Amino acid sequence: MTGRPPLEDDFHKAMVSIYQRAEREINYKPTRFIQMVSTDGGLQAARTLLHAAAVSDGFVRLWKDKRLDLSVENHVLMPKFHPLFTDQERAIASNRLHQYGFTPGAATPPKARP
């Protein structure tokens, strides 16, 4: 038992899955990200990344590999997880993805950056 509410636990597991999928699918190990998730939990790690002044190196790497579908921002916008985030946090995630040419819910992002 994790001690987290069920929806928050599901989000935490989704954050761990980002790490696992990035490693398996694009040979990228987002070490700092998994450290944040392990230490602070998936929800707090996501909030920290959302409120950062600039996109993370991991976000840029996912963009370069055309895999923003694996980004924290994309997961924040999944309808299942809406209750965990404020309107402002969802807007940050949406704006960030759109700035990099990715439509939330899309399988893979377009190639060009703004």
Foldseek 3Di string as FASTA:
>chain_A
DPPDPPLQVVQLVLQVVLQVCCCVPVVDHPPVSVVCCVVPNRLVSLVVQLPDPDHDPVCVVCLQVQRCCSPSLLVCPDPSNVVSDDPVSNVSSCVVCVQQQADRPDRTGDNDHD
